[in-house]
C-alpha cells in the first residue's frame, strides 16, 4: 500500500509525543502528567490509523476505529480509583477486544472445524484458569475476569491462526499485539490484586499497552494491503 508520509506523520508524531509523556510520567511517579495526557492517546492513534489505512474496507475501518475509541474510554475510566471505574474500564476494553476479534478472527478462523476448535477451547480454558489462579482472583470479579481472560485468549488465537494459515508480517504484528495486550492486562490485574505496591508496574503497563494497540493497528493496515 502506498501512502503519502505527510498524511499520517503529523498525528503519528503527536501520538508518539503523548505516549512518551504518559510513560515517562508513570515511571517518574508524576500521575498528574500521565493522567492529563492519557485521554488523548488512543484518539491520536485513531487519527494516525485513519490517515494511513487507505486500503481498509469501510466495515473494517469502523471496527478498528471503534476498538481504539473503546480503548480511550477504558483509559479514562482507569484514571480513577475504585471498583466501579475498574469494572467500567474492563467493560470498555472487553468490547474493544470483541471488535478486534471480529476484525481479525473473521478472516483467520474461516473454515476451521471442530477438530481445531475443541482442543483450542480446552487450551484456552486451561490458560484462563491458570491466570485466574496465579492472580488470586475471587469474589465478585471472578466471573468477569474469566470472561475477559477468555476473550483475550481468543484474540491471541485470532493472530496465531492467521500466522499458521496465511503467514506474513501483518499476522505476526497482530499476534504480537494480542500477546502484549494480554501481558499488559495481566499486569493491571496483578497490581490490582497484589497486597504489595509495585511502583514500577504503572509505566510498564502503559508501555506494553500502547505498543499492543499500535501493533494491532499496524497489522490491520498491512493486512488490508496484502
C-alpha atoms as a PDB file:
ATOM      1  CA  UNK A   1       0.000   0.000   0.000  1.00  0.00           C
ATOM      2  CA  UNK A   2       1.312   3.395  -0.938  1.00  0.00           C
ATOM      3  CA  UNK A   3       0.605   6.285   1.404  1.00  0.00           C
ATOM      4  CA  UNK A   4       1.917   9.787   1.498  1.00  0.00           C
ATOM      5  CA  UNK A   5       4.078  10.193   4.547  1.00  0.00           C
ATOM      6  CA  UNK A   6       2.585  13.630   5.202  1.00  0.00           C
ATOM      7  CA  UNK A   7      -0.907  12.170   5.657  1.00  0.00           C
ATOM      8  CA  UNK A   8      -0.067  10.269   8.824  1.00  0.00           C
ATOM      9  CA  UNK A   9       3.245  11.636  10.065  1.00  0.00           C
ATOM     10  CA  UNK A  10       1.765  14.590  11.983  1.00  0.00           C
ATOM     11  CA  UNK A  11      -0.825  12.653  14.045  1.00  0.00           C
ATOM     12  CA  UNK A  12       1.748   9.883  14.399  1.00  0.00           C
ATOM     13  CA  UNK A  13       4.316  12.263  15.889  1.00  0.00           C
ATOM     14  CA  UNK A  14       1.728  13.722  18.251  1.00  0.00           C
ATOM     15  CA  UNK A  15       0.795  10.188  19.345  1.00  0.00           C
ATOM     16  CA  UNK A  16       4.459   9.357  19.931  1.00  0.00           C
ATOM     17  CA  UNK A  17       4.928  12.560  21.949  1.00  0.00           C
ATOM     18  CA  UNK A  18       1.818  11.929  24.051  1.00  0.00           C
ATOM     19  CA  UNK A  19       2.837   8.305  24.631  1.00  0.00           C
ATOM     20  CA  UNK A  20       6.327   9.358  25.722  1.00  0.00           C
ATOM     21  CA  UNK A  21       4.948  11.940  28.165  1.00  0.00           C
ATOM     22  CA  UNK A  22       2.488   9.447  29.624  1.00  0.00           C
ATOM     23  CA  UNK A  23       5.019   6.647  30.036  1.00  0.00           C
ATOM     24  CA  UNK A  24       7.679   8.958  31.483  1.00  0.00           C
ATOM     25  CA  UNK A  25       5.089  10.421  33.835  1.00  0.00           C
ATOM     26  CA  UNK A  26       4.178   6.929  35.035  1.00  0.00           C
ATOM     27  CA  UNK A  27       7.780   5.844  35.616  1.00  0.00           C
ATOM     28  CA  UNK A  28       8.597   9.158  37.327  1.00  0.00           C
ATOM     29  CA  UNK A  29       5.547   8.941  39.568  1.00  0.00           C
ATOM     30  CA  UNK A  30       4.044  12.103  38.058  1.00  0.00           C
ATOM     31  CA  UNK A  31       0.438  10.925  37.940  1.00  0.00           C
ATOM     32  CA  UNK A  32      -0.899  14.378  37.050  1.00  0.00           C
ATOM     33  CA  UNK A  33       1.140  14.481  33.822  1.00  0.00           C
ATOM     34  CA  UNK A  34       0.208  10.909  32.917  1.00  0.00           C
ATOM     35  CA  UNK A  35      -3.497  11.471  33.623  1.00  0.00           C
ATOM     36  CA  UNK A  36      -3.723  14.699  31.605  1.00  0.00           C
ATOM     37  CA  UNK A  37      -2.118  13.109  28.542  1.00  0.00           C
ATOM     38  CA  UNK A  38      -3.850   9.715  28.726  1.00  0.00           C
ATOM     39  CA  UNK A  39      -7.258  10.631  27.186  1.00  0.00           C
ATOM     40  CA  UNK A  40      -5.518  11.894  24.019  1.00  0.00           C
ATOM     41  CA  UNK A  41      -3.507   8.732  23.334  1.00  0.00           C
ATOM     42  CA  UNK A  42      -5.994   6.497  21.506  1.00  0.00           C
ATOM     43  CA  UNK A  43      -7.738   9.339  19.613  1.00  0.00           C
ATOM     44  CA  UNK A  44      -4.319  10.317  18.242  1.00  0.00           C
ATOM     45  CA  UNK A  45      -3.641   6.702  17.290  1.00  0.00           C
ATOM     46  CA  UNK A  46      -7.075   6.576  15.626  1.00  0.00           C
ATOM     47  CA  UNK A  47      -6.263   9.712  13.609  1.00  0.00           C
ATOM     48  CA  UNK A  48      -2.946   8.151  12.574  1.00  0.00           C
ATOM     49  CA  UNK A  49      -4.755   4.975  11.558  1.00  0.00           C
ATOM     50  CA  UNK A  50      -7.361   6.871   9.551  1.00  0.00           C
ATOM     51  CA  UNK A  51      -4.612   8.709   7.679  1.00  0.00           C
ATOM     52  CA  UNK A  52      -2.617   5.553   6.933  1.00  0.00           C
ATOM     53  CA  UNK A  53      -5.312   2.949   6.282  1.00  0.00           C
ATOM     54  CA  UNK A  54      -6.385   3.816   2.786  1.00  0.00           C
ATOM     55  CA  UNK A  55      -6.942   0.166   1.784  1.00  0.00           C
ATOM     56  CA  UNK A  56      -9.239  -0.799   4.654  1.00  0.00           C
ATOM     57  CA  UNK A  57     -12.845  -1.578   3.777  1.00  0.00           C
ATOM     58  CA  UNK A  58     -15.400   0.717   5.489  1.00  0.00           C
ATOM     59  CA  UNK A  59     -16.596  -2.080   7.807  1.00  0.00           C
ATOM     60  CA  UNK A  60     -13.032  -2.957   8.795  1.00  0.00           C
ATOM     61  CA  UNK A  61     -12.193   0.699   9.360  1.00  0.00           C
ATOM     62  CA  UNK A  62     -15.222   1.145  11.610  1.00  0.00           C
ATOM     63  CA  UNK A  63     -14.287  -1.899  13.700  1.00  0.00           C
ATOM     64  CA  UNK A  64     -10.677  -0.757  14.061  1.00  0.00           C
ATOM     65  CA  UNK A  65     -11.520   2.831  14.996  1.00  0.00           C
ATOM     66  CA  UNK A  66     -14.298   1.672  17.351  1.00  0.00           C
ATOM     67  CA  UNK A  67     -11.831  -0.649  19.106  1.00  0.00           C
ATOM     68  CA  UNK A  68      -9.422   2.257  19.565  1.00  0.00           C
ATOM     69  CA  UNK A  69     -12.128   4.622  20.848  1.00  0.00           C
ATOM     70  CA  UNK A  70     -13.304   1.954  23.293  1.00  0.00           C
ATOM     71  CA  UNK A  71      -9.676   1.766  24.410  1.00  0.00           C
ATOM     72  CA  UNK A  72      -9.806   5.507  25.028  1.00  0.00           C
ATOM     73  CA  UNK A  73     -12.975   5.021  27.097  1.00  0.00           C
ATOM     74  CA  UNK A  74     -11.237   2.340  29.138  1.00  0.00           C
ATOM     75  CA  UNK A  75      -8.234   4.609  29.628  1.00  0.00           C
ATOM     76  CA  UNK A  76     -10.437   7.379  31.020  1.00  0.00           C
ATOM     77  CA  UNK A  77     -12.195   5.008  33.428  1.00  0.00           C
ATOM     78  CA  UNK A  78      -8.876   3.705  34.743  1.00  0.00           C
ATOM     79  CA  UNK A  79      -7.644   7.203  35.562  1.00  0.00           C
ATOM     80  CA  UNK A  80      -9.910   6.958  38.598  1.00  0.00           C
ATOM     81  CA  UNK A  81      -9.554   4.556  41.506  1.00  0.00           C
ATOM     82  CA  UNK A  82     -12.257   2.268  42.808  1.00  0.00           C
ATOM     83  CA  UNK A  83     -14.348  -0.766  41.911  1.00  0.00           C
ATOM     84  CA  UNK A  84     -16.790   0.917  39.501  1.00  0.00           C
ATOM     85  CA  UNK A  85     -14.101   2.628  37.364  1.00  0.00           C
ATOM     86  CA  UNK A  86     -12.233  -0.698  37.209  1.00  0.00           C
ATOM     87  CA  UNK A  87     -15.376  -2.514  36.007  1.00  0.00           C
ATOM     88  CA  UNK A  88     -16.143   0.299  33.557  1.00  0.00           C
ATOM     89  CA  UNK A  89     -12.633   0.141  32.133  1.00  0.00           C
ATOM     90  CA  UNK A  90     -12.769  -3.643  31.884  1.00  0.00           C
ATOM     91  CA  UNK A  91     -16.114  -3.452  30.070  1.00  0.00           C
ATOM     92  CA  UNK A  92     -14.822  -0.898  27.551  1.00  0.00           C
ATOM     93  CA  UNK A  93     -11.685  -2.930  26.821  1.00  0.00           C
ATOM     94  CA  UNK A  94     -13.754  -6.116  26.564  1.00  0.00           C
ATOM     95  CA  UNK A  95     -15.901  -4.550  23.843  1.00  0.00           C
ATOM     96  CA  UNK A  96     -12.744  -3.291  22.125  1.00  0.00           C
ATOM     97  CA  UNK A  97     -11.280  -6.801  22.117  1.00  0.00           C
ATOM     98  CA  UNK A  98     -14.502  -8.132  20.592  1.00  0.00           C
ATOM     99  CA  UNK A  99     -14.113  -5.570  17.801  1.00  0.00           C
ATOM    100  CA  UNK A 100     -10.544  -6.760  17.188  1.00  0.00           C
ATOM    101  CA  UNK A 101     -11.651 -10.414  17.223  1.00  0.00           C
ATOM    102  CA  UNK A 102     -14.417  -9.652  14.720  1.00  0.00           C
ATOM    103  CA  UNK A 103     -11.913  -7.824  12.511  1.00  0.00           C
ATOM    104  CA  UNK A 104      -9.149 -10.444  12.597  1.00  0.00           C
ATOM    105  CA  UNK A 105     -10.894 -13.689  13.558  1.00  0.00           C
ATOM    106  CA  UNK A 106     -13.479 -13.283  10.821  1.00  0.00           C
ATOM    107  CA  UNK A 107     -10.623 -13.931   8.399  1.00  0.00           C
ATOM    108  CA  UNK A 108      -8.231 -16.220  10.295  1.00  0.00           C
ATOM    109  CA  UNK A 109     -10.941 -18.546  11.698  1.00  0.00           C
ATOM    110  CA  UNK A 110     -12.750 -19.030   8.389  1.00  0.00           C
ATOM    111  CA  UNK A 111     -13.295 -22.706   7.644  1.00  0.00           C
ATOM    112  CA  UNK A 112     -11.947 -24.047  10.951  1.00  0.00           C
ATOM    113  CA  UNK A 113     -13.721 -27.212  12.073  1.00  0.00           C
ATOM    114  CA  UNK A 114     -14.438 -28.926  15.391  1.00  0.00           C
ATOM    115  CA  UNK A 115     -11.107 -30.803  15.228  1.00  0.00           C
ATOM    116  CA  UNK A 116      -9.402 -27.434  15.629  1.00  0.00           C
ATOM    117  CA  UNK A 117     -11.903 -25.689  17.920  1.00  0.00           C
ATOM    118  CA  UNK A 118     -12.278 -28.408  20.572  1.00  0.00           C
ATOM    119  CA  UNK A 119      -8.570 -28.622  21.547  1.00  0.00           C
ATOM    120  CA  UNK A 120      -8.256 -24.847  21.145  1.00  0.00           C
ATOM    121  CA  UNK A 121     -11.060 -24.183  23.632  1.00  0.00           C
ATOM    122  CA  UNK A 122      -9.591 -26.735  26.053  1.00  0.00           C
ATOM    123  CA  UNK A 123      -6.220 -24.968  25.930  1.00  0.00           C
ATOM    124  CA  UNK A 124      -7.864 -21.556  26.313  1.00  0.00           C
ATOM    125  CA  UNK A 125      -9.834 -22.791  29.334  1.00  0.00           C
ATOM    126  CA  UNK A 126      -6.671 -24.150  30.944  1.00  0.00           C
ATOM    127  CA  UNK A 127      -4.741 -20.916  30.320  1.00  0.00           C
ATOM    128  CA  UNK A 128      -7.539 -18.749  31.733  1.00  0.00           C
ATOM    129  CA  UNK A 129      -7.853 -20.994  34.794  1.00  0.00           C
ATOM    130  CA  UNK A 130      -4.091 -20.758  35.325  1.00  0.00           C
ATOM    131  CA  UNK A 131      -4.095 -16.961  35.070  1.00  0.00           C
ATOM    132  CA  UNK A 132      -7.028 -16.656  37.464  1.00  0.00           C
ATOM    133  CA  UNK A 133      -5.258 -18.918  39.950  1.00  0.00           C
ATOM    134  CA  UNK A 134      -1.928 -17.070  39.734  1.00  0.00           C
ATOM    135  CA  UNK A 135      -3.600 -13.666  40.103  1.00  0.00           C
ATOM    136  CA  UNK A 136      -5.712 -14.866  43.010  1.00  0.00           C
ATOM    137  CA  UNK A 137      -8.973 -13.507  41.604  1.00  0.00           C
ATOM    138  CA  UNK A 138     -12.065 -14.329  43.642  1.00  0.00           C
ATOM    139  CA  UNK A 139     -15.428 -12.945  44.737  1.00  0.00           C
ATOM    140  CA  UNK A 140     -17.475 -10.612  42.534  1.00  0.00           C
ATOM    141  CA  UNK A 141     -14.681 -10.226  39.980  1.00  0.00           C
ATOM    142  CA  UNK A 142     -14.212 -13.945  39.315  1.00  0.00           C
ATOM    143  CA  UNK A 143     -16.822 -14.357  36.544  1.00  0.00           C
ATOM    144  CA  UNK A 144     -15.994 -11.037  34.786  1.00  0.00           C
ATOM    145  CA  UNK A 145     -12.293 -11.929  34.821  1.00  0.00           C
ATOM    146  CA  UNK A 146     -12.982 -15.398  33.378  1.00  0.00           C
ATOM    147  CA  UNK A 147     -14.987 -13.824  30.541  1.00  0.00           C
ATOM    148  CA  UNK A 148     -12.352 -11.143  29.963  1.00  0.00           C
ATOM    149  CA  UNK A 149      -9.489 -13.650  30.017  1.00  0.00           C
ATOM    150  CA  UNK A 150     -11.294 -15.914  27.550  1.00  0.00           C
ATOM    151  CA  UNK A 151     -11.804 -13.034  25.124  1.00  0.00           C
ATOM    152  CA  UNK A 152      -8.104 -12.122  25.393  1.00  0.00           C
ATOM    153  CA  UNK A 153      -7.127 -15.720  24.588  1.00  0.00           C
ATOM    154  CA  UNK A 154      -9.469 -15.674  21.577  1.00  0.00           C
ATOM    155  CA  UNK A 155      -7.734 -12.519  20.365  1.00  0.00           C
ATOM    156  CA  UNK A 156      -4.377 -14.264  20.634  1.00  0.00           C
ATOM    157  CA  UNK A 157      -5.816 -17.260  18.785  1.00  0.00           C
ATOM    158  CA  UNK A 158      -7.036 -14.947  16.013  1.00  0.00           C
ATOM    159  CA  UNK A 159      -3.474 -13.788  15.426  1.00  0.00           C
ATOM    160  CA  UNK A 160      -1.974 -17.261  15.827  1.00  0.00           C
ATOM    161  CA  UNK A 161      -4.430 -18.796  13.357  1.00  0.00           C
ATOM    162  CA  UNK A 162      -3.511 -16.089  10.855  1.00  0.00           C
ATOM    163  CA  UNK A 163       0.211 -16.762  11.284  1.00  0.00           C
ATOM    164  CA  UNK A 164      -0.241 -20.523  10.844  1.00  0.00           C
ATOM    165  CA  UNK A 165      -2.735 -20.407   7.969  1.00  0.00           C
ATOM    166  CA  UNK A 166      -1.548 -17.385   5.967  1.00  0.00           C
ATOM    167  CA  UNK A 167       1.787 -16.228   7.368  1.00  0.00           C
ATOM    168  CA  UNK A 168       3.101 -12.782   6.536  1.00  0.00           C
ATOM    169  CA  UNK A 169       4.282  -9.814   8.546  1.00  0.00           C
ATOM    170  CA  UNK A 170       0.768  -8.479   9.224  1.00  0.00           C
ATOM    171  CA  UNK A 171      -0.335 -11.541  11.174  1.00  0.00           C
ATOM    172  CA  UNK A 172       2.869 -11.535  13.224  1.00  0.00           C
ATOM    173  CA  UNK A 173       2.202  -7.901  14.151  1.00  0.00           C
ATOM    174  CA  UNK A 174      -1.353  -8.809  15.162  1.00  0.00           C
ATOM    175  CA  UNK A 175      -0.191 -11.812  17.199  1.00  0.00           C
ATOM    176  CA  UNK A 176       2.495  -9.780  18.995  1.00  0.00           C
ATOM    177  CA  UNK A 177      -0.042  -7.030  19.697  1.00  0.00           C
ATOM    178  CA  UNK A 178      -2.507  -9.530  21.191  1.00  0.00           C
ATOM    179  CA  UNK A 179       0.190 -11.096  23.383  1.00  0.00           C
ATOM    180  CA  UNK A 180       1.377  -7.698  24.609  1.00  0.00           C
ATOM    181  CA  UNK A 181      -2.222  -6.687  25.357  1.00  0.00           C
ATOM    182  CA  UNK A 182      -2.636  -9.822  27.467  1.00  0.00           C
ATOM    183  CA  UNK A 183       0.640  -9.117  29.266  1.00  0.00           C
ATOM    184  CA  UNK A 184      -0.369  -5.520  29.970  1.00  0.00           C
ATOM    185  CA  UNK A 185      -3.816  -6.502  31.257  1.00  0.00           C
ATOM    186  CA  UNK A 186      -2.269  -9.233  33.406  1.00  0.00           C
ATOM    187  CA  UNK A 187      -0.026  -6.600  34.998  1.00  0.00           C
ATOM    188  CA  UNK A 188      -3.101  -4.460  35.715  1.00  0.00           C
ATOM    189  CA  UNK A 189      -4.783  -7.410  37.417  1.00  0.00           C
ATOM    190  CA  UNK A 190      -1.597  -8.309  39.311  1.00  0.00           C
ATOM    191  CA  UNK A 191      -1.230  -4.732  40.534  1.00  0.00           C
ATOM    192  CA  UNK A 192      -4.928  -4.570  41.473  1.00  0.00           C
ATOM    193  CA  UNK A 193      -4.983  -7.786  43.485  1.00  0.00           C
ATOM    194  CA  UNK A 194      -1.471  -7.563  44.935  1.00  0.00           C
ATOM    195  CA  UNK A 195      -1.102  -6.670  48.599  1.00  0.00           C
ATOM    196  CA  UNK A 196       2.313  -5.106  47.985  1.00  0.00           C
ATOM    197  CA  UNK A 197       2.673  -1.864  45.998  1.00  0.00           C
ATOM    198  CA  UNK A 198       4.588  -2.219  42.731  1.00  0.00           C
ATOM    199  CA  UNK A 199       5.738   1.271  41.779  1.00  0.00           C
ATOM    200  CA  UNK A 200       7.435   0.161  38.561  1.00  0.00           C
ATOM    201  CA  UNK A 201       4.401  -1.557  37.100  1.00  0.00           C
ATOM    202  CA  UNK A 202       2.385   1.522  36.008  1.00  0.00           C
ATOM    203  CA  UNK A 203       4.922   2.595  33.381  1.00  0.00           C
ATOM    204  CA  UNK A 204       5.336  -0.954  32.102  1.00  0.00           C
ATOM    205  CA  UNK A 205       1.564  -1.341  31.774  1.00  0.00           C
ATOM    206  CA  UNK A 206       1.309   1.750  29.588  1.00  0.00           C
ATOM    207  CA  UNK A 207       4.428   0.892  27.576  1.00  0.00           C
ATOM    208  CA  UNK A 208       3.166  -2.587  26.664  1.00  0.00           C
ATOM    209  CA  UNK A 209      -0.437  -1.404  26.235  1.00  0.00           C
ATOM    210  CA  UNK A 210       0.440   1.358  23.771  1.00  0.00           C
ATOM    211  CA  UNK A 211       2.792  -0.977  21.915  1.00  0.00           C
ATOM    212  CA  UNK A 212      -0.050  -3.513  21.691  1.00  0.00           C
ATOM    213  CA  UNK A 213      -2.566  -1.006  20.345  1.00  0.00           C
ATOM    214  CA  UNK A 214      -0.015   0.272  17.819  1.00  0.00           C
ATOM    215  CA  UNK A 215       0.889  -3.238  16.623  1.00  0.00           C
ATOM    216  CA  UNK A 216      -2.769  -4.202  16.200  1.00  0.00           C
ATOM    217  CA  UNK A 217      -3.422  -1.041  14.170  1.00  0.00           C
ATOM    218  CA  UNK A 218      -0.275  -1.537  12.088  1.00  0.00           C
ATOM    219  CA  UNK A 219      -1.164  -5.183  11.490  1.00  0.00           C
ATOM    220  CA  UNK A 220      -4.681  -4.264  10.350  1.00  0.00           C
ATOM    221  CA  UNK A 221      -3.335  -1.687   7.895  1.00  0.00           C
ATOM    222  CA  UNK A 222      -0.756  -4.094   6.461  1.00  0.00           C
ATOM    223  CA  UNK A 223      -3.306  -6.922   6.264  1.00  0.00           C
ATOM    224  CA  UNK A 224      -5.617  -4.766   4.161  1.00  0.00           C
ATOM    225  CA  UNK A 225      -2.811  -4.171   1.681  1.00  0.00           C
ATOM    226  CA  UNK A 226      -1.854  -7.828   1.229  1.00  0.00           C
END
